[in-house]
All heavy atoms as atom14 arrays in JSON, in Angstrom:
{
  "sequence": "AHLFRRHPLTALAGLYSLFSLAGVPGTPGATFWLGLARVLVERGSRG",
  "atom14_mask": [
    [1, 1, 1, 1, 1, 0, 0, 0, 0, 0, 0, 0, 0, 0],
    [1, 1, 1, 1, 1, 1, 1, 1, 1, 1, 0, 0, 0, 0],
    [1, 1, 1, 1, 1, 1, 1, 1, 0, 0, 0, 0, 0, 0],
    [1, 1, 1, 1, 1, 1, 1, 1, 1, 1, 1, 0, 0, 0],
    [1, 1, 1, 1, 1, 1, 1, 1, 1, 1, 1, 0, 0, 0],
    [1, 1, 1, 1, 1, 1, 1, 1, 1, 1, 1, 0, 0, 0],
    [1, 1, 1, 1, 1, 1, 1, 1, 1, 1, 0, 0, 0, 0],
    [1, 1, 1, 1, 1, 1, 1, 0, 0, 0, 0, 0, 0, 0],
    [1, 1, 1, 1, 1, 1, 1, 1, 0, 0, 0, 0, 0, 0],
    [1, 1, 1, 1, 1, 1, 1, 0, 0, 0, 0, 0, 0, 0],
    [1, 1, 1, 1, 1, 0, 0, 0, 0, 0, 0, 0, 0, 0],
    [1, 1, 1, 1, 1, 1, 1, 1, 0, 0, 0, 0, 0, 0],
    [1, 1, 1, 1, 1, 0, 0, 0, 0, 0, 0, 0, 0, 0],
    [1, 1, 1, 1, 0, 0, 0, 0, 0, 0, 0, 0, 0, 0],
    [1, 1, 1, 1, 1, 1, 1, 1, 0, 0, 0, 0, 0, 0],
    [1, 1, 1, 1, 1, 1, 1, 1, 1, 1, 1, 1, 0, 0],
    [1, 1, 1, 1, 1, 1, 0, 0, 0, 0, 0, 0, 0, 0],
    [1, 1, 1, 1, 1, 1, 1, 1, 0, 0, 0, 0, 0, 0],
    [1, 1, 1, 1, 1, 1, 1, 1, 1, 1, 1, 0, 0, 0],
    [1, 1, 1, 1, 1, 1, 0, 0, 0, 0, 0, 0, 0, 0],
    [1, 1, 1, 1, 1, 1, 1, 1, 0, 0, 0, 0, 0, 0],
    [1, 1, 1, 1, 1, 0, 0, 0, 0, 0, 0, 0, 0, 0],
    [1, 1, 1, 1, 0, 0, 0, 0, 0, 0, 0, 0, 0, 0],
    [1, 1, 1, 1, 1, 1, 1, 0, 0, 0, 0, 0, 0, 0],
    [1, 1, 1, 1, 1, 1, 1, 0, 0, 0, 0, 0, 0, 0],
    [1, 1, 1, 1, 0, 0, 0, 0, 0, 0, 0, 0, 0, 0],
    [1, 1, 1, 1, 1, 1, 1, 0, 0, 0, 0, 0, 0, 0],
    [1, 1, 1, 1, 1, 1, 1, 0, 0, 0, 0, 0, 0, 0],
    [1, 1, 1, 1, 0, 0, 0, 0, 0, 0, 0, 0, 0, 0],
    [1, 1, 1, 1, 1, 0, 0, 0, 0, 0, 0, 0, 0, 0],
    [1, 1, 1, 1, 1, 1, 1, 0, 0, 0, 0, 0, 0, 0],
    [1, 1, 1, 1, 1, 1, 1, 1, 1, 1, 1, 0, 0, 0],
    [1, 1, 1, 1, 1, 1, 1, 1, 1, 1, 1, 1, 1, 1],
    [1, 1, 1, 1, 1, 1, 1, 1, 0, 0, 0, 0, 0, 0],
    [1, 1, 1, 1, 0, 0, 0, 0, 0, 0, 0, 0, 0, 0],
    [1, 1, 1, 1, 1, 1, 1, 1, 0, 0, 0, 0, 0, 0],
    [1, 1, 1, 1, 1, 0, 0, 0, 0, 0, 0, 0, 0, 0],
    [1, 1, 1, 1, 1, 1, 1, 1, 1, 1, 1, 0, 0, 0],
    [1, 1, 1, 1, 1, 1, 1, 0, 0, 0, 0, 0, 0, 0],
    [1, 1, 1, 1, 1, 1, 1, 1, 0, 0, 0, 0, 0, 0],
    [1, 1, 1, 1, 1, 1, 1, 0, 0, 0, 0, 0, 0, 0],
    [1, 1, 1, 1, 1, 1, 1, 1, 1, 0, 0, 0, 0, 0],
    [1, 1, 1, 1, 1, 1, 1, 1, 1, 1, 1, 0, 0, 0],
    [1, 1, 1, 1, 0, 0, 0, 0, 0, 0, 0, 0, 0, 0],
    [1, 1, 1, 1, 1, 1, 0, 0, 0, 0, 0, 0, 0, 0],
    [1, 1, 1, 1, 1, 1, 1, 1, 1, 1, 1, 0, 0, 0],
    [1, 1, 1, 1, 0, 0, 0, 0, 0, 0, 0, 0, 0, 0]
  ],
  "atom14_positions": [
    [[-27.08, -23.01, -35.7], [-27.7, -21.69, -35.53], [-28.86, -21.53, -36.51], [-28.91, -22.18, -37.56], [-26.66, -20.6, -35.75], [0.0, 0.0, 0.0], [0.0, 0.0, 0.0], [0.0, 0.0, 0.0], [0.0, 0.0, 0.0], [0.0, 0.0, 0.0], [0.0, 0.0, 0.0], [0.0, 0.0, 0.0], [0.0, 0.0, 0.0], [0.0, 0.0, 0.0]],
    [[-29.8, -20.61, -36.18], [-31.0, -20.5, -36.99], [-30.7, -20.02, -38.41], [-31.38, -20.41, -39.36], [-32.02, -19.58, -36.32], [-31.59, -18.15, -36.23], [-30.74, -17.68, -35.26], [-31.89, -17.07, -37.0], [-30.55, -16.39, -35.42], [-31.23, -16.0, -36.48], [0.0, 0.0, 0.0], [0.0, 0.0, 0.0], [0.0, 0.0, 0.0], [0.0, 0.0, 0.0]],
    [[-29.66, -19.18, -38.6], [-29.3, -18.76, -39.96], [-28.89, -19.97, -40.79], [-29.31, -20.12, -41.95], [-28.16, -17.75, -39.91], [-27.53, -17.41, -41.27], [-28.5, -16.62, -42.13], [-26.23, -16.65, -41.09], [0.0, 0.0, 0.0], [0.0, 0.0, 0.0], [0.0, 0.0, 0.0], [0.0, 0.0, 0.0], [0.0, 0.0, 0.0], [0.0, 0.0, 0.0]],
    [[-28.1, -20.86, -40.21], [-27.59, -22.01, -40.94], [-28.68, -23.02, -41.24], [-28.62, -23.73, -42.25], [-26.46, -22.67, -40.13], [-25.23, -21.82, -40.01], [-25.17, -20.76, -39.11], [-24.12, -22.07, -40.79], [-24.03, -19.98, -38.98], [-22.98, -21.29, -40.69], [-22.94, -20.25, -39.79], [0.0, 0.0, 0.0], [0.0, 0.0, 0.0], [0.0, 0.0, 0.0]],
    [[-29.69, -23.1, -40.37], [-30.76, -24.07, -40.59], [-31.85, -23.52, -41.48], [-32.46, -24.24, -42.26], [-31.34, -24.52, -39.24], [-30.36, -25.38, -38.43], [-31.0, -25.96, -37.19], [-31.26, -24.93, -36.19], [-32.45, -24.7, -35.63], [-33.48, -25.41, -36.0], [-32.59, -23.76, -34.73], [0.0, 0.0, 0.0], [0.0, 0.0, 0.0], [0.0, 0.0, 0.0]],
    [[-32.13, -22.22, -41.34], [-33.22, -21.62, -42.11], [-32.75, -21.14, -43.49], [-33.48, -21.22, -44.48], [-33.8, -20.44, -41.33], [-35.09, -19.86, -41.91], [-36.23, -20.83, -41.77], [-37.45, -20.33, -42.37], [-38.47, -19.83, -41.68], [-38.4, -19.76, -40.36], [-39.55, -19.4, -42.28], [0.0, 0.0, 0.0], [0.0, 0.0, 0.0], [0.0, 0.0, 0.0]],
    [[-31.53, -20.63, -43.57], [-31.0, -20.08, -44.82], [-29.59, -20.63, -45.05], [-28.6, -19.9, -44.93], [-30.95, -18.55, -44.78], [-32.24, -17.91, -44.36], [-33.34, -17.84, -45.2], [-32.61, -17.33, -43.18], [-34.32, -17.22, -44.56], [-33.91, -16.91, -43.34], [0.0, 0.0, 0.0], [0.0, 0.0, 0.0], [0.0, 0.0, 0.0], [0.0, 0.0, 0.0]],
    [[-29.45, -21.9, -45.36], [-28.11, -22.5, -45.48], [-27.25, -21.88, -46.58], [-26.04, -21.73, -46.42], [-28.4, -23.98, -45.75], [-29.8, -24.01, -46.27], [-30.52, -22.89, -45.6], [0.0, 0.0, 0.0], [0.0, 0.0, 0.0], [0.0, 0.0, 0.0], [0.0, 0.0, 0.0], [0.0, 0.0, 0.0], [0.0, 0.0, 0.0], [0.0, 0.0, 0.0]],
    [[-27.85, -21.51, -47.72], [-27.06, -20.91, -48.8], [-26.53, -19.53, -48.4], [-25.39, -19.17, -48.72], [-27.9, -20.81, -50.07], [-28.28, -22.15, -50.73], [-29.12, -21.91, -51.97], [-27.03, -22.95, -51.07], [0.0, 0.0, 0.0], [0.0, 0.0, 0.0], [0.0, 0.0, 0.0], [0.0, 0.0, 0.0], [0.0, 0.0, 0.0], [0.0, 0.0, 0.0]],
    [[-27.35, -18.77, -47.71], [-26.89, -17.47, -47.23], [-25.78, -17.64, -46.21], [-24.8, -16.87, -46.2], [-28.06, -16.7, -46.6], [-29.11, -16.57, -47.55], [-27.62, -15.31, -46.14], [0.0, 0.0, 0.0], [0.0, 0.0, 0.0], [0.0, 0.0, 0.0], [0.0, 0.0, 0.0], [0.0, 0.0, 0.0], [0.0, 0.0, 0.0], [0.0, 0.0, 0.0]],
    [[-25.9, -18.66, -45.36], [-24.83, -18.93, -44.4], [-23.54, -19.3, -45.12], [-22.44, -18.88, -44.69], [-25.25, -20.05, -43.46], [0.0, 0.0, 0.0], [0.0, 0.0, 0.0], [0.0, 0.0, 0.0], [0.0, 0.0, 0.0], [0.0, 0.0, 0.0], [0.0, 0.0, 0.0], [0.0, 0.0, 0.0], [0.0, 0.0, 0.0], [0.0, 0.0, 0.0]],
    [[-23.63, -20.04, -46.2], [-22.44, -20.38, -46.97], [-21.82, -19.15, -47.61], [-20.58, -19.05, -47.72], [-22.79, -21.41, -48.05], [-23.07, -22.83, -47.56], [-23.53, -23.71, -48.71], [-21.84, -23.42, -46.89], [0.0, 0.0, 0.0], [0.0, 0.0, 0.0], [0.0, 0.0, 0.0], [0.0, 0.0, 0.0], [0.0, 0.0, 0.0], [0.0, 0.0, 0.0]],
    [[-22.65, -18.19, -48.02], [-22.11, -16.94, -48.56], [-21.32, -16.19, -47.49], [-20.25, -15.63, -47.76], [-23.25, -16.07, -49.11], [0.0, 0.0, 0.0], [0.0, 0.0, 0.0], [0.0, 0.0, 0.0], [0.0, 0.0, 0.0], [0.0, 0.0, 0.0], [0.0, 0.0, 0.0], [0.0, 0.0, 0.0], [0.0, 0.0, 0.0], [0.0, 0.0, 0.0]],
    [[-21.85, -16.17, -46.26], [-21.11, -15.55, -45.17], [-19.85, -16.32, -44.82], [-18.8, -15.73, -44.54], [0.0, 0.0, 0.0], [0.0, 0.0, 0.0], [0.0, 0.0, 0.0], [0.0, 0.0, 0.0], [0.0, 0.0, 0.0], [0.0, 0.0, 0.0], [0.0, 0.0, 0.0], [0.0, 0.0, 0.0], [0.0, 0.0, 0.0], [0.0, 0.0, 0.0]],
    [[-19.94, -17.64, -44.84], [-18.75, -18.46, -44.57], [-17.68, -18.26, -45.62], [-16.48, -18.35, -45.33], [-19.14, -19.94, -44.5], [-19.78, -20.41, -43.2], [-20.33, -21.82, -43.36], [-18.78, -20.37, -42.05], [0.0, 0.0, 0.0], [0.0, 0.0, 0.0], [0.0, 0.0, 0.0], [0.0, 0.0, 0.0], [0.0, 0.0, 0.0], [0.0, 0.0, 0.0]],
    [[-18.09, -17.98, -46.85], [-17.11, -17.74, -47.91], [-16.25, -16.51, -47.58], [-15.04, -16.5, -47.81], [-17.83, -17.55, -49.24], [-16.9, -17.5, -50.43], [-16.17, -18.62, -50.81], [-16.75, -16.34, -51.18], [-15.32, -18.59, -51.91], [-15.91, -16.3, -52.28], [-15.2, -17.42, -52.63], [-14.35, -17.38, -53.71], [0.0, 0.0, 0.0], [0.0, 0.0, 0.0]],
    [[-16.88, -15.48, -47.03], [-16.12, -14.3, -46.6], [-15.15, -14.66, -45.48], [-13.99, -14.25, -45.49], [-17.08, -13.2, -46.12], [-17.95, -12.79, -47.15], [0.0, 0.0, 0.0], [0.0, 0.0, 0.0], [0.0, 0.0, 0.0], [0.0, 0.0, 0.0], [0.0, 0.0, 0.0], [0.0, 0.0, 0.0], [0.0, 0.0, 0.0], [0.0, 0.0, 0.0]],
    [[-15.63, -15.43, -44.51], [-14.77, -15.84, -43.4], [-13.63, -16.73, -43.89], [-12.47, -16.56, -43.47], [-15.61, -16.58, -42.36], [-14.84, -17.1, -41.13], [-14.33, -15.93, -40.29], [-15.72, -17.99, -40.28], [0.0, 0.0, 0.0], [0.0, 0.0, 0.0], [0.0, 0.0, 0.0], [0.0, 0.0, 0.0], [0.0, 0.0, 0.0], [0.0, 0.0, 0.0]],
    [[-13.93, -17.66, -44.76], [-12.89, -18.55, -45.29], [-11.83, -17.77, -46.06], [-10.64, -18.06, -45.98], [-13.52, -19.6, -46.2], [-14.26, -20.69, -45.48], [-14.34, -20.68, -44.09], [-14.87, -21.71, -46.17], [-15.01, -21.69, -43.41], [-15.55, -22.73, -45.51], [-15.62, -22.71, -44.12], [0.0, 0.0, 0.0], [0.0, 0.0, 0.0], [0.0, 0.0, 0.0]],
    [[-12.27, -16.78, -46.82], [-11.31, -15.97, -47.58], [-10.42, -15.16, -46.65], [-9.22, -15.01, -46.9], [-12.06, -15.05, -48.55], [-11.19, -14.47, -49.49], [0.0, 0.0, 0.0], [0.0, 0.0, 0.0], [0.0, 0.0, 0.0], [0.0, 0.0, 0.0], [0.0, 0.0, 0.0], [0.0, 0.0, 0.0], [0.0, 0.0, 0.0], [0.0, 0.0, 0.0]],
    [[-11.0, -14.65, -45.56], [-10.21, -13.92, -44.57], [-9.19, -14.83, -43.92], [-8.05, -14.41, -43.61], [-11.13, -13.32, -43.51], [-10.51, -12.36, -42.49], [-10.02, -11.09, -43.18], [-11.52, -12.02, -41.4], [0.0, 0.0, 0.0], [0.0, 0.0, 0.0], [0.0, 0.0, 0.0], [0.0, 0.0, 0.0], [0.0, 0.0, 0.0], [0.0, 0.0, 0.0]],
    [[-9.54, -16.09, -43.7], [-8.65, -17.06, -43.06], [-7.67, -17.7, -44.03], [-6.81, -18.47, -43.6], [-9.48, -18.15, -42.38], [0.0, 0.0, 0.0], [0.0, 0.0, 0.0], [0.0, 0.0, 0.0], [0.0, 0.0, 0.0], [0.0, 0.0, 0.0], [0.0, 0.0, 0.0], [0.0, 0.0, 0.0], [0.0, 0.0, 0.0], [0.0, 0.0, 0.0]],
    [[-7.79, -17.41, -45.32], [-6.85, -17.96, -46.29], [-7.11, -19.41, -46.64], [-6.17, -20.14, -46.99], [0.0, 0.0, 0.0], [0.0, 0.0, 0.0], [0.0, 0.0, 0.0], [0.0, 0.0, 0.0], [0.0, 0.0, 0.0], [0.0, 0.0, 0.0], [0.0, 0.0, 0.0], [0.0, 0.0, 0.0], [0.0, 0.0, 0.0], [0.0, 0.0, 0.0]],
    [[-8.37, -19.86, -46.56], [-8.68, -21.24, -46.94], [-8.38, -21.42, -48.43], [-8.75, -20.59, -49.26], [-10.16, -21.54, -46.64], [-10.56, -22.92, -47.17], [-10.42, -21.45, -45.14], [0.0, 0.0, 0.0], [0.0, 0.0, 0.0], [0.0, 0.0, 0.0], [0.0, 0.0, 0.0], [0.0, 0.0, 0.0], [0.0, 0.0, 0.0], [0.0, 0.0, 0.0]],
    [[-7.69, -22.5, -48.81], [-7.33, -22.71, -50.22], [-8.55, -22.68, -51.13], [-9.6, -23.22, -50.8], [-6.68, -24.1, -50.22], [-6.12, -24.24, -48.83], [-7.1, -23.54, -47.93], [0.0, 0.0, 0.0], [0.0, 0.0, 0.0], [0.0, 0.0, 0.0], [0.0, 0.0, 0.0], [0.0, 0.0, 0.0], [0.0, 0.0, 0.0], [0.0, 0.0, 0.0]],
    [[-8.39, -22.03, -52.28], [-9.48, -21.9, -53.23], [-10.21, -20.58, -53.14], [-10.99, -20.25, -54.05], [0.0, 0.0, 0.0], [0.0, 0.0, 0.0], [0.0, 0.0, 0.0], [0.0, 0.0, 0.0], [0.0, 0.0, 0.0], [0.0, 0.0, 0.0], [0.0, 0.0, 0.0], [0.0, 0.0, 0.0], [0.0, 0.0, 0.0], [0.0, 0.0, 0.0]],
    [[-9.99, -19.8, -52.09], [-10.62, -18.49, -51.94], [-9.64, -17.4, -52.39], [-8.42, -17.59, -52.36], [-11.03, -18.25, -50.49], [-9.86, -18.29, -49.65], [-12.01, -19.3, -50.01], [0.0, 0.0, 0.0], [0.0, 0.0, 0.0], [0.0, 0.0, 0.0], [0.0, 0.0, 0.0], [0.0, 0.0, 0.0], [0.0, 0.0, 0.0], [0.0, 0.0, 0.0]],
    [[-10.15, -16.23, -52.78], [-9.25, -15.14, -53.18], [-8.29, -14.71, -52.08], [-7.16, -14.31, -52.36], [-10.22, -14.01, -53.55], [-11.48, -14.69, -53.91], [-11.57, -15.9, -53.03], [0.0, 0.0, 0.0], [0.0, 0.0, 0.0], [0.0, 0.0, 0.0], [0.0, 0.0, 0.0], [0.0, 0.0, 0.0], [0.0, 0.0, 0.0], [0.0, 0.0, 0.0]],
    [[-8.72, -14.8, -50.83], [-7.85, -14.38, -49.74], [-6.63, -15.26, -49.57], [-5.61, -14.82, -49.0], [0.0, 0.0, 0.0], [0.0, 0.0, 0.0], [0.0, 0.0, 0.0], [0.0, 0.0, 0.0], [0.0, 0.0, 0.0], [0.0, 0.0, 0.0], [0.0, 0.0, 0.0], [0.0, 0.0, 0.0], [0.0, 0.0, 0.0], [0.0, 0.0, 0.0]],
    [[-6.68, -16.49, -50.06], [-5.53, -17.39, -49.93], [-4.34, -16.9, -50.73], [-3.19, -17.23, -50.4], [-5.92, -18.8, -50.38], [0.0, 0.0, 0.0], [0.0, 0.0, 0.0], [0.0, 0.0, 0.0], [0.0, 0.0, 0.0], [0.0, 0.0, 0.0], [0.0, 0.0, 0.0], [0.0, 0.0, 0.0], [0.0, 0.0, 0.0], [0.0, 0.0, 0.0]],
    [[-4.59, -16.1, -51.77], [-3.47, -15.62, -52.59], [-2.55, -14.7, -51.81], [-1.35, -14.64, -52.08], [-4.0, -14.88, -53.83], [-4.82, -13.77, -53.42], [-4.83, -15.81, -54.7], [0.0, 0.0, 0.0], [0.0, 0.0, 0.0], [0.0, 0.0, 0.0], [0.0, 0.0, 0.0], [0.0, 0.0, 0.0], [0.0, 0.0, 0.0], [0.0, 0.0, 0.0]],
    [[-3.09, -13.97, -50.82], [-2.24, -13.07, -50.03], [-1.35, -13.88, -49.08], [-0.18, -13.55, -48.89], [-3.11, -12.09, -49.24], [-3.96, -11.22, -50.12], [-5.32, -11.44, -50.25], [-3.39, -10.18, -50.84], [-6.11, -10.65, -51.07], [-4.17, -9.38, -51.67], [-5.52, -9.62, -51.78], [0.0, 0.0, 0.0], [0.0, 0.0, 0.0], [0.0, 0.0, 0.0]],
    [[-1.9, -14.93, -48.5], [-1.1, -15.81, -47.66], [-0.02, -16.51, -48.49], [1.16, -16.54, -48.1], [-1.99, -16.87, -47.01], [-2.99, -16.37, -46.02], [-4.17, -15.75, -46.28], [-2.89, -16.45, -44.59], [-4.83, -15.44, -45.12], [-4.07, -15.86, -44.07], [-1.96, -16.97, -43.72], [-4.31, -15.78, -42.7], [-2.2, -16.89, -42.35], [-3.37, -16.31, -41.85]],
    [[-0.4, -17.05, -49.64], [0.56, -17.78, -50.47], [1.59, -16.83, -51.07], [2.77, -17.19, -51.21], [-0.18, -18.53, -51.57], [-1.06, -19.7, -51.12], [-1.84, -20.27, -52.29], [-0.22, -20.78, -50.46], [0.0, 0.0, 0.0], [0.0, 0.0, 0.0], [0.0, 0.0, 0.0], [0.0, 0.0, 0.0], [0.0, 0.0, 0.0], [0.0, 0.0, 0.0]],
    [[1.15, -15.63, -51.45], [2.09, -14.66, -52.01], [3.16, -14.27, -51.0], [4.35, -14.17, -51.33], [0.0, 0.0, 0.0], [0.0, 0.0, 0.0], [0.0, 0.0, 0.0], [0.0, 0.0, 0.0], [0.0, 0.0, 0.0], [0.0, 0.0, 0.0], [0.0, 0.0, 0.0], [0.0, 0.0, 0.0], [0.0, 0.0, 0.0], [0.0, 0.0, 0.0]],
    [[2.74, -14.05, -49.75], [3.71, -13.73, -48.7], [4.64, -14.91, -48.45], [5.86, -14.73, -48.29], [2.99, -13.33, -47.42], [3.88, -13.07, -46.2], [4.89, -11.95, -46.48], [3.04, -12.75, -44.97], [0.0, 0.0, 0.0], [0.0, 0.0, 0.0], [0.0, 0.0, 0.0], [0.0, 0.0, 0.0], [0.0, 0.0, 0.0], [0.0, 0.0, 0.0]],
    [[4.09, -16.12, -48.41], [4.93, -17.3, -48.18], [5.98, -17.44, -49.28], [7.15, -17.76, -49.0], [4.06, -18.55, -48.12], [0.0, 0.0, 0.0], [0.0, 0.0, 0.0], [0.0, 0.0, 0.0], [0.0, 0.0, 0.0], [0.0, 0.0, 0.0], [0.0, 0.0, 0.0], [0.0, 0.0, 0.0], [0.0, 0.0, 0.0], [0.0, 0.0, 0.0]],
    [[5.59, -17.18, -50.51], [6.54, -17.27, -51.62], [7.66, -16.24, -51.47], [8.85, -16.55, -51.68], [5.8, -17.06, -52.94], [6.65, -17.3, -54.17], [5.84, -17.11, -55.44], [4.71, -18.02, -55.5], [3.44, -17.64, -55.4], [3.15, -16.35, -55.24], [2.47, -18.51, -55.47], [0.0, 0.0, 0.0], [0.0, 0.0, 0.0], [0.0, 0.0, 0.0]],
    [[7.31, -15.01, -51.09], [8.32, -13.96, -50.9], [9.26, -14.31, -49.75], [10.48, -14.12, -49.84], [7.62, -12.61, -50.64], [8.63, -11.55, -50.21], [6.89, -12.15, -51.89], [0.0, 0.0, 0.0], [0.0, 0.0, 0.0], [0.0, 0.0, 0.0], [0.0, 0.0, 0.0], [0.0, 0.0, 0.0], [0.0, 0.0, 0.0], [0.0, 0.0, 0.0]],
    [[8.71, -14.85, -48.66], [9.54, -15.2, -47.52], [10.51, -16.33, -47.86], [11.64, -16.35, -47.39], [8.66, -15.6, -46.33], [7.79, -14.49, -45.74], [6.94, -15.03, -44.59], [8.65, -13.32, -45.24], [0.0, 0.0, 0.0], [0.0, 0.0, 0.0], [0.0, 0.0, 0.0], [0.0, 0.0, 0.0], [0.0, 0.0, 0.0], [0.0, 0.0, 0.0]],
    [[10.07, -17.26, -48.67], [10.97, -18.34, -49.11], [12.1, -17.77, -49.96], [13.27, -18.13, -49.81], [10.18, -19.42, -49.89], [11.14, -20.4, -50.56], [9.25, -20.16, -48.95], [0.0, 0.0, 0.0], [0.0, 0.0, 0.0], [0.0, 0.0, 0.0], [0.0, 0.0, 0.0], [0.0, 0.0, 0.0], [0.0, 0.0, 0.0], [0.0, 0.0, 0.0]],
    [[11.75, -16.85, -50.87], [12.78, -16.24, -51.72], [13.78, -15.43, -50.9], [14.97, -15.4, -51.22], [12.11, -15.34, -52.76], [11.28, -16.09, -53.78], [10.52, -15.15, -54.7], [10.6, -13.92, -54.46], [9.87, -15.64, -55.63], [0.0, 0.0, 0.0], [0.0, 0.0, 0.0], [0.0, 0.0, 0.0], [0.0, 0.0, 0.0], [0.0, 0.0, 0.0]],
    [[13.3, -14.77, -49.84], [14.18, -13.94, -49.02], [14.92, -14.75, -47.95], [15.81, -14.22, -47.29], [13.36, -12.84, -48.32], [12.61, -11.91, -49.26], [13.56, -11.01, -50.01], [12.84, -9.99, -50.73], [12.55, -10.01, -52.02], [12.92, -11.06, -52.74], [11.9, -9.01, -52.61], [0.0, 0.0, 0.0], [0.0, 0.0, 0.0], [0.0, 0.0, 0.0]],
    [[14.53, -15.99, -47.76], [15.17, -16.79, -46.74], [14.77, -16.43, -45.32], [15.52, -16.7, -44.38], [0.0, 0.0, 0.0], [0.0, 0.0, 0.0], [0.0, 0.0, 0.0], [0.0, 0.0, 0.0], [0.0, 0.0, 0.0], [0.0, 0.0, 0.0], [0.0, 0.0, 0.0], [0.0, 0.0, 0.0], [0.0, 0.0, 0.0], [0.0, 0.0, 0.0]],
    [[13.59, -15.86, -45.14], [13.11, -15.47, -43.81], [12.41, -16.65, -43.15], [11.17, -16.74, -43.14], [12.17, -14.26, -43.92], [12.79, -13.18, -44.54], [0.0, 0.0, 0.0], [0.0, 0.0, 0.0], [0.0, 0.0, 0.0], [0.0, 0.0, 0.0], [0.0, 0.0, 0.0], [0.0, 0.0, 0.0], [0.0, 0.0, 0.0], [0.0, 0.0, 0.0]],
    [[13.18, -17.56, -42.61], [12.6, -18.8, -42.07], [11.76, -18.56, -40.82], [10.74, -19.21, -40.61], [13.72, -19.79, -41.77], [14.36, -20.39, -43.02], [15.52, -21.27, -42.69], [16.64, -20.51, -42.15], [17.82, -21.02, -41.81], [18.02, -22.32, -41.92], [18.78, -20.26, -41.35], [0.0, 0.0, 0.0], [0.0, 0.0, 0.0], [0.0, 0.0, 0.0]],
    [[12.2, -17.62, -39.98], [11.43, -17.34, -38.76], [10.04, -16.83, -39.07], [9.04, -17.3, -38.5], [0.0, 0.0, 0.0], [0.0, 0.0, 0.0], [0.0, 0.0, 0.0], [0.0, 0.0, 0.0], [0.0, 0.0, 0.0], [0.0, 0.0, 0.0], [0.0, 0.0, 0.0], [0.0, 0.0, 0.0], [0.0, 0.0, 0.0], [0.0, 0.0, 0.0]]
  ]
}
């Protein structure tokens, strides 16, 4: 896409938001996914 070819760093800034929303490891949003997984393991909620 033209944003990615003309302004690659800006595209990476936008991708960082998307990655964090998706819980990609290393982003702040991943802590919510991992935090819930840890709680579910402690509670034994396998489903």
